[in-house]
Amino acid sequence: MQFARINDVAIHYQVIGGPAGKPVLVFVNSLGTDFRIWRDVIIRLAGDFPILIYDKRGHGLSDVGTTPYRIEDHASDLAGLMDMLNISNTVICGLSVGGLIAQSLYSSRPDLVAALVLADTASRIGTADMWNARIAAVQTEGIESILDAVMERWFTPAFRSGDNAAFQGYRNMLLRQPAEGYAATCAAIRDADYTAEAGRIGVPVLCIVGDQDGSTPPDLVRATAERIPGARFEIITDAGHIPCIEQHEAMTEMIKVFIRDAITSSGAPPHG
């Protein structure tokens, strides 16, 4: 396991080597998960690209740090980790809150970003009332009190089958996240709005969404894509909010095609 102290927070991360001259893929996980959600995508990309995955603060094996958070705090952690590792010109693949972090990183450190994959995310997610209610529930009754409702947004009915061991495993993943970090990240999402910044994104962007996403539905993701100049929009069938789990092969192929086309259309060689 690899750890680094960034912004006085211990961050858990992993670097997977790849061919020199290829873009570095950076994966940013969703609310209530750790970087293991990307496993089935990463194993299909490892060897073709260098890869960086990490647990954002308040999740997985990373420190909770000082709460509450802003999305800018998460983006600063990622920028600090990338600076420490001397990684730039990356393709940032952000899922849900990870997509907000990706947008914030581009806004504050565009020198680090060559392209964006914004998965099941938007420029603004949810309402203040919704997030305040979730924060209150987690703080008073724990993550278990919201577990079933979250699972319905994350996964399709087929995946939520009682005999699907993987579904039980991902329930466990959410339950075992630090409640303080989860609530603090809910507050960060509540206060984040990158609508104005969307029109100023100047790198290639792919927006992806599961057709049965209950957290950031297709119309919301499509509206975000329409604000970003030249953004590509794709829907993944038979997937909820976390297509890298339910439909990892389809998501991986979309990422590969996007990177290939983005490099070709830019007229520039791949970055390493």
C-alpha atoms as a PDB file:
ATOM      1  CA  MET A   1       0.000   0.000   0.000  1.00  0.00           C
ATOM      2  CA  GLN A   2       1.130   3.543  -0.755  1.00  0.00           C
ATOM      3  CA  PHE A   3       0.455   6.610   1.393  1.00  0.00           C
ATOM      4  CA  ALA A   4       1.410  10.276   1.146  1.00  0.00           C
ATOM      5  CA  ARG A   5       0.804  13.235   3.453  1.00  0.00           C
ATOM      6  CA  ILE A   6      -0.941  15.893   1.379  1.00  0.00           C
ATOM      7  CA  ASN A   7      -2.381  19.056   2.950  1.00  0.00           C
ATOM      8  CA  ASP A   8      -1.757  17.437   6.356  1.00  0.00           C
ATOM      9  CA  VAL A   9      -3.948  14.463   5.402  1.00  0.00           C
ATOM     10  CA  ALA A  10      -2.673  10.923   4.879  1.00  0.00           C
ATOM     11  CA  ILE A  11      -3.860   9.902   1.407  1.00  0.00           C
ATOM     12  CA  HIS A  12      -3.978   6.264   0.304  1.00  0.00           C
ATOM     13  CA  TYR A  13      -3.090   5.812  -3.366  1.00  0.00           C
ATOM     14  CA  GLN A  14      -1.736   3.373  -5.914  1.00  0.00           C
ATOM     15  CA  VAL A  15       0.319   3.944  -9.057  1.00  0.00           C
ATOM     16  CA  ILE A  16       0.193   1.340 -11.807  1.00  0.00           C
ATOM     17  CA  GLY A  17       2.949   1.747 -14.366  1.00  0.00           C
ATOM     18  CA  GLY A  18       2.339   1.895 -18.091  1.00  0.00           C
ATOM     19  CA  PRO A  19       4.015   2.731 -21.379  1.00  0.00           C
ATOM     20  CA  ALA A  20       5.983   5.960 -21.549  1.00  0.00           C
ATOM     21  CA  GLY A  21       4.352   8.577 -23.748  1.00  0.00           C
ATOM     22  CA  LYS A  22       0.801   7.474 -22.956  1.00  0.00           C
ATOM     23  CA  PRO A  23      -1.582   9.707 -20.990  1.00  0.00           C
ATOM     24  CA  VAL A  24      -1.862   8.968 -17.275  1.00  0.00           C
ATOM     25  CA  LEU A  25      -5.390   7.955 -16.273  1.00  0.00           C
ATOM     26  CA  VAL A  26      -6.468   9.258 -12.859  1.00  0.00           C
ATOM     27  CA  PHE A  27      -9.601   7.736 -11.317  1.00  0.00           C
ATOM     28  CA  VAL A  28     -11.588   9.606  -8.660  1.00  0.00           C
ATOM     29  CA  ASN A  29     -14.188   7.559  -6.790  1.00  0.00           C
ATOM     30  CA  SER A  30     -17.740   8.415  -5.794  1.00  0.00           C
ATOM     31  CA  LEU A  31     -19.308   9.324  -2.454  1.00  0.00           C
ATOM     32  CA  GLY A  32     -19.208   6.489   0.061  1.00  0.00           C
ATOM     33  CA  THR A  33     -16.776   4.295  -1.893  1.00  0.00           C
ATOM     34  CA  ASP A  34     -13.047   3.700  -2.145  1.00  0.00           C
ATOM     35  CA  PHE A  35     -10.822   3.163  -5.162  1.00  0.00           C
ATOM     36  CA  ARG A  36     -11.703  -0.535  -5.419  1.00  0.00           C
ATOM     37  CA  ILE A  37     -14.827   0.393  -7.419  1.00  0.00           C
ATOM     38  CA  TRP A  38     -12.538   0.932 -10.432  1.00  0.00           C
ATOM     39  CA  ARG A  39     -10.968  -2.546 -10.340  1.00  0.00           C
ATOM     40  CA  ASP A  40     -12.774  -4.060 -13.318  1.00  0.00           C
ATOM     41  CA  VAL A  41     -12.073  -1.003 -15.473  1.00  0.00           C
ATOM     42  CA  ILE A  42      -8.441  -0.768 -14.416  1.00  0.00           C
ATOM     43  CA  ILE A  43      -7.611  -4.390 -15.170  1.00  0.00           C
ATOM     44  CA  ARG A  44      -8.767  -3.740 -18.746  1.00  0.00           C
ATOM     45  CA  LEU A  45      -6.618  -0.613 -19.078  1.00  0.00           C
ATOM     46  CA  ALA A  46      -3.502  -1.641 -17.154  1.00  0.00           C
ATOM     47  CA  GLY A  47      -0.585  -2.159 -19.490  1.00  0.00           C
ATOM     48  CA  ASP A  48      -1.981   0.280 -22.040  1.00  0.00           C
ATOM     49  CA  PHE A  49      -1.795   3.390 -19.833  1.00  0.00           C
ATOM     50  CA  PRO A  50      -0.147   4.489 -16.590  1.00  0.00           C
ATOM     51  CA  ILE A  51      -2.826   4.734 -13.885  1.00  0.00           C
ATOM     52  CA  LEU A  52      -3.269   6.602 -10.594  1.00  0.00           C
ATOM     53  CA  ILE A  53      -6.040   5.720  -8.158  1.00  0.00           C
ATOM     54  CA  TYR A  54      -6.541   7.084  -4.647  1.00  0.00           C
ATOM     55  CA  ASP A  55      -8.980   7.342  -1.758  1.00  0.00           C
ATOM     56  CA  LYS A  56     -10.146  10.919  -1.316  1.00  0.00           C
ATOM     57  CA  ARG A  57     -10.052  12.312   2.210  1.00  0.00           C
ATOM     58  CA  GLY A  58     -12.712  10.867   4.484  1.00  0.00           C
ATOM     59  CA  HIS A  59     -12.935   7.646   2.465  1.00  0.00           C
ATOM     60  CA  GLY A  60     -11.205   4.280   2.359  1.00  0.00           C
ATOM     61  CA  LEU A  61      -7.824   4.254   4.085  1.00  0.00           C
ATOM     62  CA  SER A  62      -7.249   8.000   3.800  1.00  0.00           C
ATOM     63  CA  ASP A  63      -7.537  10.313   6.807  1.00  0.00           C
ATOM     64  CA  VAL A  64     -10.766  12.124   7.541  1.00  0.00           C
ATOM     65  CA  GLY A  65      -8.880  15.366   8.204  1.00  0.00           C
ATOM     66  CA  THR A  66     -10.558  18.586   9.280  1.00  0.00           C
ATOM     67  CA  THR A  67     -14.284  18.819   8.522  1.00  0.00           C
ATOM     68  CA  PRO A  68     -16.439  20.090   6.901  1.00  0.00           C
ATOM     69  CA  TYR A  69     -14.954  19.936   3.394  1.00  0.00           C
ATOM     70  CA  ARG A  70     -15.237  21.897   0.193  1.00  0.00           C
ATOM     71  CA  ILE A  71     -14.857  20.317  -3.224  1.00  0.00           C
ATOM     72  CA  GLU A  72     -11.837  22.582  -3.580  1.00  0.00           C
ATOM     73  CA  ASP A  73     -10.227  20.772  -0.621  1.00  0.00           C
ATOM     74  CA  HIS A  74     -10.611  17.447  -2.422  1.00  0.00           C
ATOM     75  CA  ALA A  75      -9.215  18.971  -5.628  1.00  0.00           C
ATOM     76  CA  SER A  76      -6.268  20.439  -3.735  1.00  0.00           C
ATOM     77  CA  ASP A  77      -5.493  16.993  -2.303  1.00  0.00           C
ATOM     78  CA  LEU A  78      -5.469  15.497  -5.794  1.00  0.00           C
ATOM     79  CA  ALA A  79      -3.316  18.312  -7.175  1.00  0.00           C
ATOM     80  CA  GLY A  80      -0.871  17.869  -4.310  1.00  0.00           C
ATOM     81  CA  LEU A  81      -0.672  14.125  -4.892  1.00  0.00           C
ATOM     82  CA  MET A  82      -0.086  14.625  -8.617  1.00  0.00           C
ATOM     83  CA  ASP A  83       2.590  17.252  -7.954  1.00  0.00           C
ATOM     84  CA  MET A  84       4.343  14.913  -5.524  1.00  0.00           C
ATOM     85  CA  LEU A  85       4.307  12.134  -8.129  1.00  0.00           C
ATOM     86  CA  ASN A  86       5.286  14.533 -10.943  1.00  0.00           C
ATOM     87  CA  ILE A  87       2.184  13.610 -12.928  1.00  0.00           C
ATOM     88  CA  SER A  88       0.581  16.071 -15.352  1.00  0.00           C
ATOM     89  CA  ASN A  89      -1.314  16.110 -18.649  1.00  0.00           C
ATOM     90  CA  THR A  90      -3.693  13.471 -17.395  1.00  0.00           C
ATOM     91  CA  VAL A  91      -7.109  12.117 -18.275  1.00  0.00           C
ATOM     92  CA  ILE A  92      -9.124  12.623 -15.083  1.00  0.00           C
ATOM     93  CA  CYS A  93     -11.966  10.097 -14.765  1.00  0.00           C
ATOM     94  CA  GLY A  94     -14.294  11.291 -12.015  1.00  0.00           C
ATOM     95  CA  LEU A  95     -17.448   9.484 -10.906  1.00  0.00           C
ATOM     96  CA  SER A  96     -20.238  11.430  -9.137  1.00  0.00           C
ATOM     97  CA  VAL A  97     -18.498  13.653  -6.559  1.00  0.00           C
ATOM     98  CA  GLY A  98     -15.318  12.562  -8.331  1.00  0.00           C
ATOM     99  CA  GLY A  99     -16.637  14.426 -11.369  1.00  0.00           C
ATOM    100  CA  LEU A 100     -17.069  17.573  -9.288  1.00  0.00           C
ATOM    101  CA  ILE A 101     -13.503  17.141  -8.048  1.00  0.00           C
ATOM    102  CA  ALA A 102     -12.345  16.751 -11.654  1.00  0.00           C
ATOM    103  CA  GLN A 103     -14.120  19.958 -12.661  1.00  0.00           C
ATOM    104  CA  SER A 104     -12.633  21.795  -9.678  1.00  0.00           C
ATOM    105  CA  LEU A 105      -9.155  20.515 -10.500  1.00  0.00           C
ATOM    106  CA  TYR A 106      -9.472  21.751 -14.066  1.00  0.00           C
ATOM    107  CA  SER A 107     -10.684  25.142 -12.811  1.00  0.00           C
ATOM    108  CA  SER A 108      -7.782  25.595 -10.384  1.00  0.00           C
ATOM    109  CA  ARG A 109      -4.977  23.627 -12.092  1.00  0.00           C
ATOM    110  CA  PRO A 110      -5.661  23.311 -15.823  1.00  0.00           C
ATOM    111  CA  ASP A 111      -1.966  22.580 -16.327  1.00  0.00           C
ATOM    112  CA  LEU A 112      -2.567  19.113 -14.878  1.00  0.00           C
ATOM    113  CA  VAL A 113      -5.476  18.123 -17.108  1.00  0.00           C
ATOM    114  CA  ALA A 114      -5.407  17.050 -20.764  1.00  0.00           C
ATOM    115  CA  ALA A 115      -8.944  15.606 -20.882  1.00  0.00           C
ATOM    116  CA  LEU A 116     -11.889  14.809 -18.621  1.00  0.00           C
ATOM    117  CA  VAL A 117     -14.201  11.821 -18.281  1.00  0.00           C
ATOM    118  CA  LEU A 118     -17.179  12.974 -16.208  1.00  0.00           C
ATOM    119  CA  ALA A 119     -19.176   9.920 -15.206  1.00  0.00           C
ATOM    120  CA  ASP A 120     -22.617  10.055 -13.565  1.00  0.00           C
ATOM    121  CA  THR A 121     -22.031  13.615 -12.410  1.00  0.00           C
ATOM    122  CA  ALA A 122     -23.048  17.181 -13.165  1.00  0.00           C
ATOM    123  CA  SER A 123     -22.006  20.784 -12.662  1.00  0.00           C
ATOM    124  CA  ARG A 124     -24.329  20.870  -9.660  1.00  0.00           C
ATOM    125  CA  ILE A 125     -25.810  17.830  -7.908  1.00  0.00           C
ATOM    126  CA  GLY A 126     -28.947  17.849  -5.778  1.00  0.00           C
ATOM    127  CA  THR A 127     -30.408  20.549  -3.553  1.00  0.00           C
ATOM    128  CA  ALA A 128     -29.322  22.019  -0.235  1.00  0.00           C
ATOM    129  CA  ASP A 129     -32.402  20.575   1.481  1.00  0.00           C
ATOM    130  CA  MET A 130     -31.672  17.092   0.153  1.00  0.00           C
ATOM    131  CA  TRP A 131     -28.046  17.146   1.290  1.00  0.00           C
ATOM    132  CA  ASN A 132     -28.873  18.679   4.676  1.00  0.00           C
ATOM    133  CA  ALA A 133     -31.398  15.903   5.312  1.00  0.00           C
ATOM    134  CA  ARG A 134     -28.838  13.246   4.403  1.00  0.00           C
ATOM    135  CA  ILE A 135     -26.176  14.830   6.591  1.00  0.00           C
ATOM    136  CA  ALA A 136     -28.585  14.974   9.535  1.00  0.00           C
ATOM    137  CA  ALA A 137     -29.537  11.322   9.071  1.00  0.00           C
ATOM    138  CA  VAL A 138     -25.922  10.155   8.953  1.00  0.00           C
ATOM    139  CA  GLN A 139     -24.898  12.260  11.933  1.00  0.00           C
ATOM    140  CA  THR A 140     -27.782  11.089  14.125  1.00  0.00           C
ATOM    141  CA  GLU A 141     -28.455   7.524  12.956  1.00  0.00           C
ATOM    142  CA  GLY A 142     -25.361   6.495  11.013  1.00  0.00           C
ATOM    143  CA  ILE A 143     -24.807   5.468   7.403  1.00  0.00           C
ATOM    144  CA  GLU A 144     -26.960   2.372   7.912  1.00  0.00           C
ATOM    145  CA  SER A 145     -30.037   4.616   8.069  1.00  0.00           C
ATOM    146  CA  ILE A 146     -29.613   5.649   4.418  1.00  0.00           C
ATOM    147  CA  LEU A 147     -28.172   2.393   3.105  1.00  0.00           C
ATOM    148  CA  ASP A 148     -31.165   0.933   1.257  1.00  0.00           C
ATOM    149  CA  ALA A 149     -32.113   4.237  -0.383  1.00  0.00           C
ATOM    150  CA  VAL A 150     -28.552   4.752  -1.613  1.00  0.00           C
ATOM    151  CA  MET A 151     -28.333   1.210  -2.997  1.00  0.00           C
ATOM    152  CA  GLU A 152     -31.468   1.841  -5.073  1.00  0.00           C
ATOM    153  CA  ARG A 153     -29.728   4.831  -6.683  1.00  0.00           C
ATOM    154  CA  TRP A 154     -26.394   3.083  -7.149  1.00  0.00           C
ATOM    155  CA  PHE A 155     -27.536  -0.156  -8.761  1.00  0.00           C
ATOM    156  CA  THR A 156     -30.184  -1.582 -11.065  1.00  0.00           C
ATOM    157  CA  PRO A 157     -32.801  -4.012  -9.682  1.00  0.00           C
ATOM    158  CA  ALA A 158     -31.015  -6.886 -11.425  1.00  0.00           C
ATOM    159  CA  PHE A 159     -27.757  -6.158  -9.598  1.00  0.00           C
ATOM    160  CA  ARG A 160     -29.564  -5.817  -6.259  1.00  0.00           C
ATOM    161  CA  SER A 161     -30.555  -9.475  -6.357  1.00  0.00           C
ATOM    162  CA  GLY A 162     -30.382 -11.215  -3.000  1.00  0.00           C
ATOM    163  CA  ASP A 163     -28.090 -13.917  -4.356  1.00  0.00           C
ATOM    164  CA  ASN A 164     -25.559 -11.435  -5.785  1.00  0.00           C
ATOM    165  CA  ALA A 165     -22.585 -11.579  -3.415  1.00  0.00           C
ATOM    166  CA  ALA A 166     -21.065  -8.503  -5.071  1.00  0.00           C
ATOM    167  CA  PHE A 167     -24.100  -6.441  -4.117  1.00  0.00           C
ATOM    168  CA  GLN A 168     -23.640  -7.383  -0.462  1.00  0.00           C
ATOM    169  CA  GLY A 169     -19.974  -6.487  -0.752  1.00  0.00           C
ATOM    170  CA  TYR A 170     -20.707  -2.987  -2.001  1.00  0.00           C
ATOM    171  CA  ARG A 171     -23.254  -2.523   0.767  1.00  0.00           C
ATOM    172  CA  ASN A 172     -20.435  -3.346   3.160  1.00  0.00           C
ATOM    173  CA  MET A 173     -18.160  -0.843   1.431  1.00  0.00           C
ATOM    174  CA  LEU A 174     -20.608   1.992   2.055  1.00  0.00           C
ATOM    175  CA  LEU A 175     -21.326   0.926   5.641  1.00  0.00           C
ATOM    176  CA  ARG A 176     -17.620   0.868   6.471  1.00  0.00           C
ATOM    177  CA  GLN A 177     -16.821   4.366   5.245  1.00  0.00           C
ATOM    178  CA  PRO A 178     -16.193   6.907   8.046  1.00  0.00           C
ATOM    179  CA  ALA A 179     -19.514   8.612   8.801  1.00  0.00           C
ATOM    180  CA  GLU A 180     -17.722  11.901   9.490  1.00  0.00           C
ATOM    181  CA  GLY A 181     -15.982  11.839   6.122  1.00  0.00           C
ATOM    182  CA  TYR A 182     -19.189  10.861   4.341  1.00  0.00           C
ATOM    183  CA  ALA A 183     -21.173  13.712   5.914  1.00  0.00           C
ATOM    184  CA  ALA A 184     -18.390  16.207   5.257  1.00  0.00           C
ATOM    185  CA  THR A 185     -18.314  15.232   1.586  1.00  0.00           C
ATOM    186  CA  CYS A 186     -22.105  15.567   1.389  1.00  0.00           C
ATOM    187  CA  ALA A 187     -21.633  19.166   2.576  1.00  0.00           C
ATOM    188  CA  ALA A 188     -18.983  19.708  -0.094  1.00  0.00           C
ATOM    189  CA  ILE A 189     -21.365  18.482  -2.816  1.00  0.00           C
ATOM    190  CA  ARG A 190     -24.185  20.624  -1.407  1.00  0.00           C
ATOM    191  CA  ASP A 191     -22.075  23.778  -1.699  1.00  0.00           C
ATOM    192  CA  ALA A 192     -20.508  23.050  -5.103  1.00  0.00           C
ATOM    193  CA  ASP A 193     -21.713  24.680  -8.306  1.00  0.00           C
ATOM    194  CA  TYR A 194     -19.522  24.574 -11.424  1.00  0.00           C
ATOM    195  CA  THR A 195     -22.245  25.625 -13.840  1.00  0.00           C
ATOM    196  CA  ALA A 196     -20.503  28.866 -14.789  1.00  0.00           C
ATOM    197  CA  GLU A 197     -17.148  27.111 -15.200  1.00  0.00           C
ATOM    198  CA  ALA A 198     -18.553  24.439 -17.547  1.00  0.00           C
ATOM    199  CA  GLY A 199     -18.598  26.758 -20.535  1.00  0.00           C
ATOM    200  CA  ARG A 200     -14.923  27.572 -20.007  1.00  0.00           C
ATOM    201  CA  ILE A 201     -13.611  24.008 -20.156  1.00  0.00           C
ATOM    202  CA  GLY A 202     -11.124  23.902 -22.997  1.00  0.00           C
ATOM    203  CA  VAL A 203     -10.043  20.242 -23.081  1.00  0.00           C
ATOM    204  CA  PRO A 204     -11.827  17.214 -24.581  1.00  0.00           C
ATOM    205  CA  VAL A 205     -14.631  15.946 -22.328  1.00  0.00           C
ATOM    206  CA  LEU A 206     -16.640  12.723 -22.277  1.00  0.00           C
ATOM    207  CA  CYS A 207     -19.816  12.666 -20.167  1.00  0.00           C
ATOM    208  CA  ILE A 208     -21.095   9.175 -19.317  1.00  0.00           C
ATOM    209  CA  VAL A 209     -24.190   8.088 -17.402  1.00  0.00           C
ATOM    210  CA  GLY A 210     -25.982   4.852 -16.582  1.00  0.00           C
ATOM    211  CA  ASP A 211     -29.464   4.682 -18.077  1.00  0.00           C
ATOM    212  CA  GLN A 212     -30.920   3.828 -14.654  1.00  0.00           C
ATOM    213  CA  ASP A 213     -28.854   6.238 -12.567  1.00  0.00           C
ATOM    214  CA  GLY A 214     -30.999   7.332  -9.620  1.00  0.00           C
ATOM    215  CA  SER A 215     -28.564   9.956  -8.315  1.00  0.00           C
ATOM    216  CA  THR A 216     -27.593  11.878 -11.450  1.00  0.00           C
ATOM    217  CA  PRO A 217     -30.156  10.864 -14.106  1.00  0.00           C
ATOM    218  CA  PRO A 218     -29.308  10.951 -17.818  1.00  0.00           C
ATOM    219  CA  ASP A 219     -31.084  14.261 -18.440  1.00  0.00           C
ATOM    220  CA  LEU A 220     -29.004  15.974 -15.751  1.00  0.00           C
ATOM    221  CA  VAL A 221     -25.741  14.628 -17.139  1.00  0.00           C
ATOM    222  CA  ARG A 222     -26.817  15.508 -20.687  1.00  0.00           C
ATOM    223  CA  ALA A 223     -27.517  19.102 -19.590  1.00  0.00           C
ATOM    224  CA  THR A 224     -24.012  19.327 -18.162  1.00  0.00           C
ATOM    225  CA  ALA A 225     -22.515  17.967 -21.382  1.00  0.00           C
ATOM    226  CA  GLU A 226     -24.442  20.571 -23.373  1.00  0.00           C
ATOM    227  CA  ARG A 227     -22.795  23.351 -21.346  1.00  0.00           C
ATOM    228  CA  ILE A 228     -19.275  22.126 -22.124  1.00  0.00           C
ATOM    229  CA  PRO A 229     -17.938  23.104 -25.547  1.00  0.00           C
ATOM    230  CA  GLY A 230     -17.561  20.033 -27.752  1.00  0.00           C
ATOM    231  CA  ALA A 231     -18.342  17.527 -24.994  1.00  0.00           C
ATOM    232  CA  ARG A 232     -19.325  14.010 -25.974  1.00  0.00           C
ATOM    233  CA  PHE A 233     -22.325  12.387 -24.228  1.00  0.00           C
ATOM    234  CA  GLU A 234     -22.880   8.629 -23.875  1.00  0.00           C
ATOM    235  CA  ILE A 235     -25.475   6.516 -22.051  1.00  0.00           C
ATOM    236  CA  ILE A 236     -24.537   3.086 -20.708  1.00  0.00           C
ATOM    237  CA  THR A 237     -27.444   0.653 -20.777  1.00  0.00           C
ATOM    238  CA  ASP A 238     -28.367  -1.569 -17.835  1.00  0.00           C
ATOM    239  CA  ALA A 239     -26.398   0.520 -15.335  1.00  0.00           C
ATOM    240  CA  GLY A 240     -27.204   2.639 -12.312  1.00  0.00           C
ATOM    241  CA  HIS A 241     -25.010   5.291 -10.703  1.00  0.00           C
ATOM    242  CA  ILE A 242     -21.793   3.240 -10.745  1.00  0.00           C
ATOM    243  CA  PRO A 243     -21.358   1.796 -14.239  1.00  0.00           C
ATOM    244  CA  CYS A 244     -17.722   0.907 -13.562  1.00  0.00           C
ATOM    245  CA  ILE A 245     -19.154  -1.886 -11.398  1.00  0.00           C
ATOM    246  CA  GLU A 246     -22.238  -2.989 -13.328  1.00  0.00           C
ATOM    247  CA  GLN A 247     -21.074  -2.388 -16.915  1.00  0.00           C
ATOM    248  CA  HIS A 248     -17.300  -2.151 -16.686  1.00  0.00           C
ATOM    249  CA  GLU A 249     -16.644  -3.512 -20.171  1.00  0.00           C
ATOM    250  CA  ALA A 250     -18.878  -0.911 -21.842  1.00  0.00           C
ATOM    251  CA  MET A 251     -17.416   1.891 -19.747  1.00  0.00           C
ATOM    252  CA  THR A 252     -13.848   0.813 -20.475  1.00  0.00           C
ATOM    253  CA  GLU A 253     -14.496   0.750 -24.210  1.00  0.00           C
ATOM    254  CA  MET A 254     -16.015   4.250 -24.116  1.00  0.00           C
ATOM    255  CA  ILE A 255     -12.944   5.553 -22.286  1.00  0.00           C
ATOM    256  CA  LYS A 256     -10.561   3.899 -24.762  1.00  0.00           C
ATOM    257  CA  VAL A 257     -12.380   5.291 -27.802  1.00  0.00           C
ATOM    258  CA  PHE A 258     -12.584   8.742 -26.237  1.00  0.00           C
ATOM    259  CA  ILE A 259      -8.862   8.859 -25.471  1.00  0.00           C
ATOM    260  CA  ARG A 260      -7.996   7.661 -28.952  1.00  0.00           C
ATOM    261  CA  ASP A 261     -10.249  10.248 -30.591  1.00  0.00           C
ATOM    262  CA  ALA A 262      -9.225  13.074 -28.233  1.00  0.00           C
ATOM    263  CA  ILE A 263      -5.551  12.556 -29.021  1.00  0.00           C
ATOM    264  CA  THR A 264      -6.208  12.325 -32.748  1.00  0.00           C
ATOM    265  CA  SER A 265      -8.438  15.395 -32.902  1.00  0.00           C
ATOM    266  CA  SER A 266      -6.061  17.524 -30.834  1.00  0.00           C
ATOM    267  CA  GLY A 267      -3.262  16.921 -33.272  1.00  0.00           C
ATOM    268  CA  ALA A 268      -0.914  16.526 -30.324  1.00  0.00           C
ATOM    269  CA  PRO A 269       1.049  13.472 -29.245  1.00  0.00           C
ATOM    270  CA  PRO A 270      -0.025  11.626 -26.096  1.00  0.00           C
ATOM    271  CA  HIS A 271       1.240  13.107 -22.844  1.00  0.00           C
ATOM    272  CA  GLY A 272       3.131  11.159 -20.208  1.00  0.00           C
END
